[in-house]
Amino acid sequence: VQLQASGGGVVQAGGSLRLSCVVSGRTSSSYAVGWFRQPPGKEREFVSAITWRGGAPYYADSAKGRFTISRDNAKNTVYLQMQSLSTDDTGVYYCNTYPSTKAYWGRGTLVTVSS
């Protein structure tokens, strides 16, 4: 399985951004796909996750009400729509299985929120 995150960029505080995670290889109902992020100088943290077969998505408290995770099974793609961004949302965003799999960490995509 390979997971490739994209869609990062520079956005002003209060703005929106949509990230994409394309999954290649085996997609299965046996795992979920998650978004994680690593703010500058901090540990990587969980943001949100969704299963391929449906069911309620999961959100970190920091993402609830502002971020929406969704999937397109036909495209093997998971999206993270982010709104009302703040400078605290700055960091490298990664997608991985959920729970995460060490071997599947990619480069991530950088999100920079300017004040």
PDB file of N, CA and C in Angstrom:
ATOM      1  N   VAL A   1       0.845  -1.192   0.000  1.00  0.00           N
ATOM      2  CA  VAL A   1       0.000   0.000   0.000  1.00  0.00           C
ATOM      3  C   VAL A   1       0.875   1.233   0.000  1.00  0.00           C
ATOM      4  N   GLN A   2       0.519   2.203  -0.847  1.00  0.00           N
ATOM      5  CA  GLN A   2       1.206   3.493  -0.838  1.00  0.00           C
ATOM      6  C   GLN A   2       0.173   4.589  -0.684  1.00  0.00           C
ATOM      7  N   LEU A   3       0.497   5.569   0.115  1.00  0.00           N
ATOM      8  CA  LEU A   3      -0.403   6.676   0.353  1.00  0.00           C
ATOM      9  C   LEU A   3       0.350   7.968   0.068  1.00  0.00           C
ATOM     10  N   GLN A   4      -0.186   8.789  -0.810  1.00  0.00           N
ATOM     11  CA  GLN A   4       0.485  10.014  -1.224  1.00  0.00           C
ATOM     12  C   GLN A   4      -0.395  11.211  -0.919  1.00  0.00           C
ATOM     13  N   ALA A   5       0.104  12.080  -0.059  1.00  0.00           N
ATOM     14  CA  ALA A   5      -0.632  13.286   0.313  1.00  0.00           C
ATOM     15  C   ALA A   5      -0.237  14.450  -0.583  1.00  0.00           C
ATOM     16  N   SER A   6      -1.201  15.294  -0.891  1.00  0.00           N
ATOM     17  CA  SER A   6      -0.931  16.487  -1.690  1.00  0.00           C
ATOM     18  C   SER A   6      -1.973  17.553  -1.363  1.00  0.00           C
ATOM     19  N   GLY A   7      -1.738  18.752  -1.893  1.00  0.00           N
ATOM     20  CA  GLY A   7      -2.715  19.821  -1.733  1.00  0.00           C
ATOM     21  C   GLY A   7      -2.333  20.901  -0.744  1.00  0.00           C
ATOM     22  N   GLY A   8      -1.188  20.761  -0.111  1.00  0.00           N
ATOM     23  CA  GLY A   8      -0.759  21.771   0.836  1.00  0.00           C
ATOM     24  C   GLY A   8      -0.389  23.075   0.151  1.00  0.00           C
ATOM     25  N   GLY A   9      -0.181  24.086   0.940  1.00  0.00           N
ATOM     26  CA  GLY A   9       0.193  25.378   0.398  1.00  0.00           C
ATOM     27  C   GLY A   9       0.158  26.427   1.486  1.00  0.00           C
ATOM     28  N   VAL A  10       0.213  27.673   1.053  1.00  0.00           N
ATOM     29  CA  VAL A  10       0.169  28.799   1.975  1.00  0.00           C
ATOM     30  C   VAL A  10      -1.219  29.426   1.908  1.00  0.00           C
ATOM     31  N   VAL A  11      -1.818  29.629   3.061  1.00  0.00           N
ATOM     32  CA  VAL A  11      -3.161  30.192   3.123  1.00  0.00           C
ATOM     33  C   VAL A  11      -3.220  31.165   4.296  1.00  0.00           C
ATOM     34  N   GLN A  12      -4.025  32.167   4.176  1.00  0.00           N
ATOM     35  CA  GLN A  12      -4.172  33.126   5.262  1.00  0.00           C
ATOM     36  C   GLN A  12      -5.078  32.573   6.348  1.00  0.00           C
ATOM     37  N   ALA A  13      -4.872  33.040   7.551  1.00  0.00           N
ATOM     38  CA  ALA A  13      -5.724  32.629   8.667  1.00  0.00           C
ATOM     39  C   ALA A  13      -7.181  32.909   8.328  1.00  0.00           C
ATOM     40  N   GLY A  14      -8.026  31.940   8.643  1.00  0.00           N
ATOM     41  CA  GLY A  14      -9.442  32.040   8.299  1.00  0.00           C
ATOM     42  C   GLY A  14      -9.783  31.406   6.972  1.00  0.00           C
ATOM     43  N   GLY A  15      -8.769  31.049   6.210  1.00  0.00           N
ATOM     44  CA  GLY A  15      -8.983  30.479   4.890  1.00  0.00           C
ATOM     45  C   GLY A  15      -9.225  28.991   4.914  1.00  0.00           C
ATOM     46  N   SER A  16      -9.313  28.410   3.711  1.00  0.00           N
ATOM     47  CA  SER A  16      -9.615  26.992   3.556  1.00  0.00           C
ATOM     48  C   SER A  16      -8.592  26.336   2.642  1.00  0.00           C
ATOM     49  N   LEU A  17      -8.503  25.031   2.788  1.00  0.00           N
ATOM     50  CA  LEU A  17      -7.601  24.241   1.954  1.00  0.00           C
ATOM     51  C   LEU A  17      -8.140  22.818   1.911  1.00  0.00           C
ATOM     52  N   ARG A  18      -7.968  22.145   0.783  1.00  0.00           N
ATOM     53  CA  ARG A  18      -8.362  20.744   0.707  1.00  0.00           C
ATOM     54  C   ARG A  18      -7.148  19.884   0.374  1.00  0.00           C
ATOM     55  N   LEU A  19      -6.917  18.914   1.196  1.00  0.00           N
ATOM     56  CA  LEU A  19      -5.830  17.970   0.981  1.00  0.00           C
ATOM     57  C   LEU A  19      -6.381  16.682   0.374  1.00  0.00           C
ATOM     58  N   SER A  20      -5.537  16.032  -0.410  1.00  0.00           N
ATOM     59  CA  SER A  20      -5.911  14.762  -1.030  1.00  0.00           C
ATOM     60  C   SER A  20      -4.903  13.685  -0.660  1.00  0.00           C
ATOM     61  N   CYS A  21      -5.391  12.479  -0.506  1.00  0.00           N
ATOM     62  CA  CYS A  21      -4.528  11.317  -0.241  1.00  0.00           C
ATOM     63  C   CYS A  21      -4.916  10.227  -1.225  1.00  0.00           C
ATOM     64  N   VAL A  22      -4.045   9.958  -2.165  1.00  0.00           N
ATOM     65  CA  VAL A  22      -4.294   8.894  -3.132  1.00  0.00           C
ATOM     66  C   VAL A  22      -3.684   7.610  -2.607  1.00  0.00           C
ATOM     67  N   VAL A  23      -4.489   6.576  -2.571  1.00  0.00           N
ATOM     68  CA  VAL A  23      -4.050   5.287  -2.053  1.00  0.00           C
ATOM     69  C   VAL A  23      -3.878   4.324  -3.220  1.00  0.00           C
ATOM     70  N   SER A  24      -2.712   3.762  -3.344  1.00  0.00           N
ATOM     71  CA  SER A  24      -2.478   2.771  -4.396  1.00  0.00           C
ATOM     72  C   SER A  24      -2.131   1.439  -3.746  1.00  0.00           C
ATOM     73  N   GLY A  25      -2.346   0.395  -4.481  1.00  0.00           N
ATOM     74  CA  GLY A  25      -2.127  -0.924  -3.919  1.00  0.00           C
ATOM     75  C   GLY A  25      -3.433  -1.469  -3.364  1.00  0.00           C
ATOM     76  N   ARG A  26      -3.336  -2.164  -2.297  1.00  0.00           N
ATOM     77  CA  ARG A  26      -4.506  -2.846  -1.753  1.00  0.00           C
ATOM     78  C   ARG A  26      -5.374  -1.885  -0.934  1.00  0.00           C
ATOM     79  N   THR A  27      -6.582  -1.707  -1.386  1.00  0.00           N
ATOM     80  CA  THR A  27      -7.544  -0.998  -0.557  1.00  0.00           C
ATOM     81  C   THR A  27      -8.501  -2.036  -0.017  1.00  0.00           C
ATOM     82  N   SER A  28      -8.819  -1.934   1.209  1.00  0.00           N
ATOM     83  CA  SER A  28      -9.594  -2.986   1.844  1.00  0.00           C
ATOM     84  C   SER A  28     -10.420  -2.395   2.967  1.00  0.00           C
ATOM     85  N   SER A  29     -11.510  -3.041   3.231  1.00  0.00           N
ATOM     86  CA  SER A  29     -12.324  -2.606   4.354  1.00  0.00           C
ATOM     87  C   SER A  29     -11.653  -2.927   5.686  1.00  0.00           C
ATOM     88  N   SER A  30     -10.503  -3.575   5.630  1.00  0.00           N
ATOM     89  CA  SER A  30      -9.848  -3.991   6.864  1.00  0.00           C
ATOM     90  C   SER A  30      -9.050  -2.870   7.515  1.00  0.00           C
ATOM     91  N   TYR A  31      -8.904  -1.742   6.831  1.00  0.00           N
ATOM     92  CA  TYR A  31      -8.189  -0.649   7.473  1.00  0.00           C
ATOM     93  C   TYR A  31      -8.856   0.667   7.139  1.00  0.00           C
ATOM     94  N   ALA A  32      -8.583   1.639   7.989  1.00  0.00           N
ATOM     95  CA  ALA A  32      -9.046   3.001   7.758  1.00  0.00           C
ATOM     96  C   ALA A  32      -7.874   3.840   7.283  1.00  0.00           C
ATOM     97  N   VAL A  33      -8.168   5.001   6.739  1.00  0.00           N
ATOM     98  CA  VAL A  33      -7.145   5.951   6.319  1.00  0.00           C
ATOM     99  C   VAL A  33      -7.236   7.176   7.213  1.00  0.00           C
ATOM    100  N   GLY A  34      -6.096   7.605   7.692  1.00  0.00           N
ATOM    101  CA  GLY A  34      -6.072   8.727   8.604  1.00  0.00           C
ATOM    102  C   GLY A  34      -5.202   9.866   8.106  1.00  0.00           C
ATOM    103  N   TRP A  35      -5.520  11.043   8.608  1.00  0.00           N
ATOM    104  CA  TRP A  35      -4.673  12.219   8.406  1.00  0.00           C
ATOM    105  C   TRP A  35      -3.975  12.531   9.718  1.00  0.00           C
ATOM    106  N   PHE A  36      -2.710  12.862   9.593  1.00  0.00           N
ATOM    107  CA  PHE A  36      -1.902  13.215  10.740  1.00  0.00           C
ATOM    108  C   PHE A  36      -1.150  14.495  10.383  1.00  0.00           C
ATOM    109  N   ARG A  37      -0.665  15.205  11.385  1.00  0.00           N
ATOM    110  CA  ARG A  37       0.116  16.394  11.084  1.00  0.00           C
ATOM    111  C   ARG A  37       1.231  16.556  12.109  1.00  0.00           C
ATOM    112  N   GLN A  38       2.264  17.248  11.685  1.00  0.00           N
ATOM    113  CA  GLN A  38       3.382  17.533  12.575  1.00  0.00           C
ATOM    114  C   GLN A  38       3.673  19.024  12.530  1.00  0.00           C
ATOM    115  N   PRO A  39       3.265  19.750  13.561  1.00  0.00           N
ATOM    116  CA  PRO A  39       3.578  21.176  13.624  1.00  0.00           C
ATOM    117  C   PRO A  39       5.080  21.372  13.818  1.00  0.00           C
ATOM    118  N   PRO A  40       5.594  22.510  13.473  1.00  0.00           N
ATOM    119  CA  PRO A  40       7.031  22.763  13.627  1.00  0.00           C
ATOM    120  C   PRO A  40       7.478  22.563  15.064  1.00  0.00           C
ATOM    121  N   GLY A  41       8.502  21.755  15.258  1.00  0.00           N
ATOM    122  CA  GLY A  41       9.062  21.537  16.582  1.00  0.00           C
ATOM    123  C   GLY A  41       8.230  20.666  17.505  1.00  0.00           C
ATOM    124  N   LYS A  42       7.183  20.047  16.977  1.00  0.00           N
ATOM    125  CA  LYS A  42       6.308  19.229  17.823  1.00  0.00           C
ATOM    126  C   LYS A  42       6.198  17.810  17.293  1.00  0.00           C
ATOM    127  N   GLU A  43       5.568  16.969  18.095  1.00  0.00           N
ATOM    128  CA  GLU A  43       5.362  15.594  17.703  1.00  0.00           C
ATOM    129  C   GLU A  43       4.233  15.495  16.669  1.00  0.00           C
ATOM    130  N   ARG A  44       4.289  14.439  15.901  1.00  0.00           N
ATOM    131  CA  ARG A  44       3.203  14.187  14.966  1.00  0.00           C
ATOM    132  C   ARG A  44       1.935  13.831  15.736  1.00  0.00           C
ATOM    133  N   GLU A  45       0.797  14.283  15.248  1.00  0.00           N
ATOM    134  CA  GLU A  45      -0.464  14.065  15.953  1.00  0.00           C
ATOM    135  C   GLU A  45      -1.568  13.640  14.989  1.00  0.00           C
ATOM    136  N   PHE A  46      -2.528  12.957  15.533  1.00  0.00           N
ATOM    137  CA  PHE A  46      -3.683  12.506  14.761  1.00  0.00           C
ATOM    138  C   PHE A  46      -4.607  13.679  14.477  1.00  0.00           C
ATOM    139  N   VAL A  47      -5.211  13.670  13.276  1.00  0.00           N
ATOM    140  CA  VAL A  47      -6.169  14.713  12.900  1.00  0.00           C
ATOM    141  C   VAL A  47      -7.552  14.119  12.640  1.00  0.00           C
ATOM    142  N   SER A  48      -7.611  13.129  11.760  1.00  0.00           N
ATOM    143  CA  SER A  48      -8.910  12.582  11.383  1.00  0.00           C
ATOM    144  C   SER A  48      -8.717  11.257  10.679  1.00  0.00           C
ATOM    145  N   ALA A  49      -9.754  10.425  10.647  1.00  0.00           N
ATOM    146  CA  ALA A  49      -9.673   9.131   9.973  1.00  0.00           C
ATOM    147  C   ALA A  49     -11.048   8.711   9.476  1.00  0.00           C
ATOM    148  N   ILE A  50     -11.022   7.867   8.451  1.00  0.00           N
ATOM    149  CA  ILE A  50     -12.265   7.373   7.861  1.00  0.00           C
ATOM    150  C   ILE A  50     -12.026   5.975   7.326  1.00  0.00           C
ATOM    151  N   THR A  51     -13.047   5.141   7.372  1.00  0.00           N
ATOM    152  CA  THR A  51     -12.925   3.800   6.817  1.00  0.00           C
ATOM    153  C   THR A  51     -13.380   3.801   5.360  1.00  0.00           C
ATOM    154  N   TRP A  52     -12.986   2.794   4.617  1.00  0.00           N
ATOM    155  CA  TRP A  52     -13.390   2.688   3.218  1.00  0.00           C
ATOM    156  C   TRP A  52     -14.846   2.266   3.083  1.00  0.00           C
ATOM    157  N   ARG A  53     -15.344   1.570   4.061  1.00  0.00           N
ATOM    158  CA  ARG A  53     -16.678   0.998   3.901  1.00  0.00           C
ATOM    159  C   ARG A  53     -17.782   1.861   4.485  1.00  0.00           C
ATOM    160  N   GLY A  54     -17.423   2.997   5.058  1.00  0.00           N
ATOM    161  CA  GLY A  54     -18.450   3.863   5.620  1.00  0.00           C
ATOM    162  C   GLY A  54     -18.360   3.899   7.127  1.00  0.00           C
ATOM    163  N   GLY A  55     -19.351   4.475   7.744  1.00  0.00           N
ATOM    164  CA  GLY A  55     -19.305   4.621   9.182  1.00  0.00           C
ATOM    165  C   GLY A  55     -18.853   6.010   9.567  1.00  0.00           C
ATOM    166  N   ALA A  56     -19.019   6.343  10.799  1.00  0.00           N
ATOM    167  CA  ALA A  56     -18.701   7.690  11.268  1.00  0.00           C
ATOM    168  C   ALA A  56     -17.192   7.927  11.239  1.00  0.00           C
ATOM    169  N   PRO A  57     -16.758   9.068  10.725  1.00  0.00           N
ATOM    170  CA  PRO A  57     -15.336   9.385  10.751  1.00  0.00           C
ATOM    171  C   PRO A  57     -14.894   9.780  12.155  1.00  0.00           C
ATOM    172  N   TYR A  58     -13.588   9.841  12.350  1.00  0.00           N
ATOM    173  CA  TYR A  58     -13.030  10.216  13.640  1.00  0.00           C
ATOM    174  C   TYR A  58     -12.311  11.550  13.488  1.00  0.00           C
ATOM    175  N   TYR A  59     -12.394  12.374  14.509  1.00  0.00           N
ATOM    176  CA  TYR A  59     -11.717  13.662  14.493  1.00  0.00           C
ATOM    177  C   TYR A  59     -11.031  13.920  15.823  1.00  0.00           C
ATOM    178  N   ALA A  60      -9.864  14.534  15.738  1.00  0.00           N
ATOM    179  CA  ALA A  60      -9.248  15.078  16.945  1.00  0.00           C
ATOM    180  C   ALA A  60     -10.063  16.285  17.387  1.00  0.00           C
ATOM    181  N   ASP A  61      -9.988  16.612  18.652  1.00  0.00           N
ATOM    182  CA  ASP A  61     -10.749  17.759  19.154  1.00  0.00           C
ATOM    183  C   ASP A  61     -10.407  19.037  18.395  1.00  0.00           C
ATOM    184  N   SER A  62      -9.152  19.168  17.999  1.00  0.00           N
ATOM    185  CA  SER A  62      -8.710  20.381  17.303  1.00  0.00           C
ATOM    186  C   SER A  62      -9.313  20.499  15.909  1.00  0.00           C
ATOM    187  N   ALA A  63      -9.809  19.380  15.371  1.00  0.00           N
ATOM    188  CA  ALA A  63     -10.350  19.372  14.009  1.00  0.00           C
ATOM    189  C   ALA A  63     -11.874  19.407  13.975  1.00  0.00           C
ATOM    190  N   LYS A  64     -12.492  19.068  15.053  1.00  0.00           N
ATOM    191  CA  LYS A  64     -13.955  18.992  15.075  1.00  0.00           C
ATOM    192  C   LYS A  64     -14.584  20.340  14.754  1.00  0.00           C
ATOM    193  N   GLY A  65     -15.554  20.306  13.858  1.00  0.00           N
ATOM    194  CA  GLY A  65     -16.262  21.520  13.494  1.00  0.00           C
ATOM    195  C   GLY A  65     -15.579  22.354  12.430  1.00  0.00           C
ATOM    196  N   ARG A  66     -14.314  22.061  12.130  1.00  0.00           N
ATOM    197  CA  ARG A  66     -13.596  22.839  11.128  1.00  0.00           C
ATOM    198  C   ARG A  66     -13.115  21.993   9.952  1.00  0.00           C
ATOM    199  N   PHE A  67     -12.788  20.751  10.218  1.00  0.00           N
ATOM    200  CA  PHE A  67     -12.262  19.863   9.181  1.00  0.00           C
ATOM    201  C   PHE A  67     -13.310  18.802   8.850  1.00  0.00           C
ATOM    202  N   THR A  68     -13.332  18.406   7.584  1.00  0.00           N
ATOM    203  CA  THR A  68     -14.223  17.344   7.146  1.00  0.00           C
ATOM    204  C   THR A  68     -13.434  16.347   6.319  1.00  0.00           C
ATOM    205  N   ILE A  69     -13.474  15.092   6.730  1.00  0.00           N
ATOM    206  CA  ILE A  69     -12.801  14.035   5.975  1.00  0.00           C
ATOM    207  C   ILE A  69     -13.835  13.327   5.116  1.00  0.00           C
ATOM    208  N   SER A  70     -13.435  12.958   3.915  1.00  0.00           N
ATOM    209  CA  SER A  70     -14.341  12.239   3.021  1.00  0.00           C
ATOM    210  C   SER A  70     -13.513  11.327   2.129  1.00  0.00           C
ATOM    211  N   ARG A  71     -14.186  10.472   1.404  1.00  0.00           N
ATOM    212  CA  ARG A  71     -13.462   9.538   0.544  1.00  0.00           C
ATOM    213  C   ARG A  71     -14.200   9.371  -0.763  1.00  0.00           C
ATOM    214  N   ASP A  72     -13.456   9.015  -1.791  1.00  0.00           N
ATOM    215  CA  ASP A  72     -14.014   8.645  -3.096  1.00  0.00           C
ATOM    216  C   ASP A  72     -13.471   7.268  -3.408  1.00  0.00           C
ATOM    217  N   ASN A  73     -14.273   6.257  -3.166  1.00  0.00           N
ATOM    218  CA  ASN A  73     -13.799   4.887  -3.338  1.00  0.00           C
ATOM    219  C   ASN A  73     -13.395   4.599  -4.784  1.00  0.00           C
ATOM    220  N   ALA A  74     -14.098   5.187  -5.728  1.00  0.00           N
ATOM    221  CA  ALA A  74     -13.785   4.948  -7.138  1.00  0.00           C
ATOM    222  C   ALA A  74     -12.403   5.483  -7.493  1.00  0.00           C
ATOM    223  N   LYS A  75     -11.978   6.539  -6.812  1.00  0.00           N
ATOM    224  CA  LYS A  75     -10.665   7.138  -7.091  1.00  0.00           C
ATOM    225  C   LYS A  75      -9.618   6.727  -6.068  1.00  0.00           C
ATOM    226  N   ASN A  76      -9.995   5.899  -5.117  1.00  0.00           N
ATOM    227  CA  ASN A  76      -9.063   5.500  -4.046  1.00  0.00           C
ATOM    228  C   ASN A  76      -8.429   6.728  -3.398  1.00  0.00           C
ATOM    229  N   THR A  77      -9.232   7.712  -3.136  1.00  0.00           N
ATOM    230  CA  THR A  77      -8.733   8.983  -2.616  1.00  0.00           C
ATOM    231  C   THR A  77      -9.513   9.388  -1.377  1.00  0.00           C
ATOM    232  N   VAL A  78      -8.777   9.868  -0.394  1.00  0.00           N
ATOM    233  CA  VAL A  78      -9.361  10.409   0.827  1.00  0.00           C
ATOM    234  C   VAL A  78      -9.019  11.895   0.881  1.00  0.00           C
ATOM    235  N   TYR A  79     -10.000  12.699   1.205  1.00  0.00           N
ATOM    236  CA  TYR A  79      -9.819  14.144   1.237  1.00  0.00           C
ATOM    237  C   TYR A  79      -9.919  14.671   2.665  1.00  0.00           C
ATOM    238  N   LEU A  80      -9.268  15.789   2.892  1.00  0.00           N
ATOM    239  CA  LEU A  80      -9.422  16.502   4.157  1.00  0.00           C
ATOM    240  C   LEU A  80      -9.707  17.963   3.810  1.00  0.00           C
ATOM    241  N   GLN A  81     -10.957  18.351   3.986  1.00  0.00           N
ATOM    242  CA  GLN A  81     -11.341  19.733   3.764  1.00  0.00           C
ATOM    243  C   GLN A  81     -11.142  20.495   5.061  1.00  0.00           C
ATOM    244  N   MET A  82     -10.327  21.534   5.006  1.00  0.00           N
ATOM    245  CA  MET A  82     -10.003  22.296   6.207  1.00  0.00           C
ATOM    246  C   MET A  82     -10.523  23.718   6.057  1.00  0.00           C
ATOM    247  N   GLN A  83     -11.244  24.179   7.058  1.00  0.00           N
ATOM    248  CA  GLN A  83     -11.803  25.529   7.033  1.00  0.00           C
ATOM    249  C   GLN A  83     -11.419  26.259   8.312  1.00  0.00           C
ATOM    250  N   SER A  84     -11.601  27.564   8.280  1.00  0.00           N
ATOM    251  CA  SER A  84     -11.290  28.398   9.452  1.00  0.00           C
ATOM    252  C   SER A  84      -9.904  28.097   9.987  1.00  0.00           C
ATOM    253  N   LEU A  85      -8.963  28.048   9.081  1.00  0.00           N
ATOM    254  CA  LEU A  85      -7.595  27.692   9.467  1.00  0.00           C
ATOM    255  C   LEU A  85      -6.965  28.772  10.334  1.00  0.00           C
ATOM    256  N   SER A  86      -6.158  28.318  11.270  1.00  0.00           N
ATOM    257  CA  SER A  86      -5.406  29.233  12.124  1.00  0.00           C
ATOM    258  C   SER A  86      -3.926  28.888  12.017  1.00  0.00           C
ATOM    259  N   THR A  87      -3.100  29.766  12.578  1.00  0.00           N
ATOM    260  CA  THR A  87      -1.658  29.511  12.520  1.00  0.00           C
ATOM    261  C   THR A  87      -1.297  28.224  13.253  1.00  0.00           C
ATOM    262  N   ASP A  88      -2.125  27.799  14.190  1.00  0.00           N
ATOM    263  CA  ASP A  88      -1.878  26.533  14.905  1.00  0.00           C
ATOM    264  C   ASP A  88      -2.018  25.318  13.987  1.00  0.00           C
ATOM    265  N   ASP A  89      -2.629  25.501  12.835  1.00  0.00           N
ATOM    266  CA  ASP A  89      -2.797  24.395  11.899  1.00  0.00           C
ATOM    267  C   ASP A  89      -1.592  24.231  10.970  1.00  0.00           C
ATOM    268  N   THR A  90      -0.628  25.087  11.095  1.00  0.00           N
ATOM    269  CA  THR A  90       0.586  24.987  10.283  1.00  0.00           C
ATOM    270  C   THR A  90       1.343  23.705  10.605  1.00  0.00           C
ATOM    271  N   GLY A  91       1.806  23.030   9.568  1.00  0.00           N
ATOM    272  CA  GLY A  91       2.582  21.819   9.771  1.00  0.00           C
ATOM    273  C   GLY A  91       2.617  20.973   8.514  1.00  0.00           C
ATOM    274  N   VAL A  92       3.314  19.858   8.618  1.00  0.00           N
ATOM    275  CA  VAL A  92       3.332  18.886   7.529  1.00  0.00           C
ATOM    276  C   VAL A  92       2.213  17.885   7.778  1.00  0.00           C
ATOM    277  N   TYR A  93       1.379  17.714   6.795  1.00  0.00           N
ATOM    278  CA  TYR A  93       0.241  16.815   6.894  1.00  0.00           C
ATOM    279  C   TYR A  93       0.549  15.511   6.150  1.00  0.00           C
ATOM    280  N   TYR A  94       0.282  14.421   6.815  1.00  0.00           N
ATOM    281  CA  TYR A  94       0.537  13.101   6.267  1.00  0.00           C
ATOM    282  C   TYR A  94      -0.751  12.285   6.245  1.00  0.00           C
ATOM    283  N   CYS A  95      -0.819  11.365   5.319  1.00  0.00           N
ATOM    284  CA  CYS A  95      -1.870  10.354   5.399  1.00  0.00           C
ATOM    285  C   CYS A  95      -1.208   8.987   5.576  1.00  0.00           C
ATOM    286  N   ASN A  96      -1.928   8.133   6.225  1.00  0.00           N
ATOM    287  CA  ASN A  96      -1.421   6.793   6.546  1.00  0.00           C
ATOM    288  C   ASN A  96      -2.621   5.941   6.872  1.00  0.00           C
ATOM    289  N   THR A  97      -2.390   4.685   7.088  1.00  0.00           N
ATOM    290  CA  THR A  97      -3.470   3.867   7.607  1.00  0.00           C
ATOM    291  C   THR A  97      -3.784   4.346   9.020  1.00  0.00           C
ATOM    292  N   TYR A  98      -4.942   3.958   9.512  1.00  0.00           N
ATOM    293  CA  TYR A  98      -5.306   4.294  10.887  1.00  0.00           C
ATOM    294  C   TYR A  98      -5.785   3.030  11.576  1.00  0.00           C
ATOM    295  N   PRO A  99      -5.087   2.612  12.618  1.00  0.00           N
ATOM    296  CA  PRO A  99      -3.872   3.174  13.204  1.00  0.00           C
ATOM    297  C   PRO A  99      -2.724   3.211  12.188  1.00  0.00           C
ATOM    298  N   SER A 100      -1.778   4.051  12.420  1.00  0.00           N
ATOM    299  CA  SER A 100      -0.709   4.262  11.446  1.00  0.00           C
ATOM    300  C   SER A 100       0.208   3.048  11.343  1.00  0.00           C
ATOM    301  N   THR A 101       0.802   2.928  10.167  1.00  0.00           N
ATOM    302  CA  THR A 101       1.763   1.871   9.867  1.00  0.00           C
ATOM    303  C   THR A 101       3.103   2.538   9.569  1.00  0.00           C
ATOM    304  N   LYS A 102       4.123   2.160  10.313  1.00  0.00           N
ATOM    305  CA  LYS A 102       5.418   2.825  10.203  1.00  0.00           C
ATOM    306  C   LYS A 102       5.939   2.845   8.771  1.00  0.00           C
ATOM    307  N   ALA A 103       5.762   1.757   8.064  1.00  0.00           N
ATOM    308  CA  ALA A 103       6.330   1.653   6.716  1.00  0.00           C
ATOM    309  C   ALA A 103       5.625   2.547   5.705  1.00  0.00           C
ATOM    310  N   TYR A 104       4.469   3.082   6.061  1.00  0.00           N
ATOM    311  CA  TYR A 104       3.677   3.819   5.067  1.00  0.00           C
ATOM    312  C   TYR A 104       3.786   5.339   5.197  1.00  0.00           C
ATOM    313  N   TRP A 105       4.629   5.816   6.111  1.00  0.00           N
ATOM    314  CA  TRP A 105       4.778   7.268   6.195  1.00  0.00           C
ATOM    315  C   TRP A 105       5.443   7.791   4.928  1.00  0.00           C
ATOM    316  N   GLY A 106       4.827   8.747   4.280  1.00  0.00           N
ATOM    317  CA  GLY A 106       5.413   9.384   3.105  1.00  0.00           C
ATOM    318  C   GLY A 106       5.983  10.734   3.481  1.00  0.00           C
ATOM    319  N   ARG A 107       6.198  11.590   2.462  1.00  0.00           N
ATOM    320  CA  ARG A 107       6.795  12.903   2.714  1.00  0.00           C
ATOM    321  C   ARG A 107       5.804  13.875   3.310  1.00  0.00           C
ATOM    322  N   GLY A 108       4.540  13.664   3.076  1.00  0.00           N
ATOM    323  CA  GLY A 108       3.557  14.609   3.561  1.00  0.00           C
ATOM    324  C   GLY A 108       3.459  15.830   2.673  1.00  0.00           C
ATOM    325  N   THR A 109       2.565  16.715   3.059  1.00  0.00           N
ATOM    326  CA  THR A 109       2.382  17.960   2.313  1.00  0.00           C
ATOM    327  C   THR A 109       2.325  19.112   3.310  1.00  0.00           C
ATOM    328  N   LEU A 110       3.046  20.173   3.003  1.00  0.00           N
ATOM    329  CA  LEU A 110       3.204  21.272   3.954  1.00  0.00           C
ATOM    330  C   LEU A 110       2.049  22.257   3.850  1.00  0.00           C
ATOM    331  N   VAL A 111       1.460  22.546   4.997  1.00  0.00           N
ATOM    332  CA  VAL A 111       0.422  23.569   5.100  1.00  0.00           C
ATOM    333  C   VAL A 111       0.968  24.704   5.954  1.00  0.00           C
ATOM    334  N   THR A 112       0.953  25.889   5.397  1.00  0.00           N
ATOM    335  CA  THR A 112       1.421  27.056   6.134  1.00  0.00           C
ATOM    336  C   THR A 112       0.273  28.063   6.208  1.00  0.00           C
ATOM    337  N   VAL A 113      -0.124  28.385   7.433  1.00  0.00           N
ATOM    338  CA  VAL A 113      -1.195  29.359   7.632  1.00  0.00           C
ATOM    339  C   VAL A 113      -0.562  30.648   8.131  1.00  0.00           C
ATOM    340  N   SER A 114      -0.722  31.696   7.366  1.00  0.00           N
ATOM    341  CA  SER A 114      -0.111  32.983   7.727  1.00  0.00           C
ATOM    342  C   SER A 114      -1.124  33.855   8.446  1.00  0.00           C
ATOM    343  N   SER A 115      -0.613  34.659   9.363  1.00  0.00           N
ATOM    344  CA  SER A 115      -1.508  35.527  10.150  1.00  0.00           C
ATOM    345  C   SER A 115      -1.734  36.860   9.460  1.00  0.00           C
TER     346      SER A 115
END
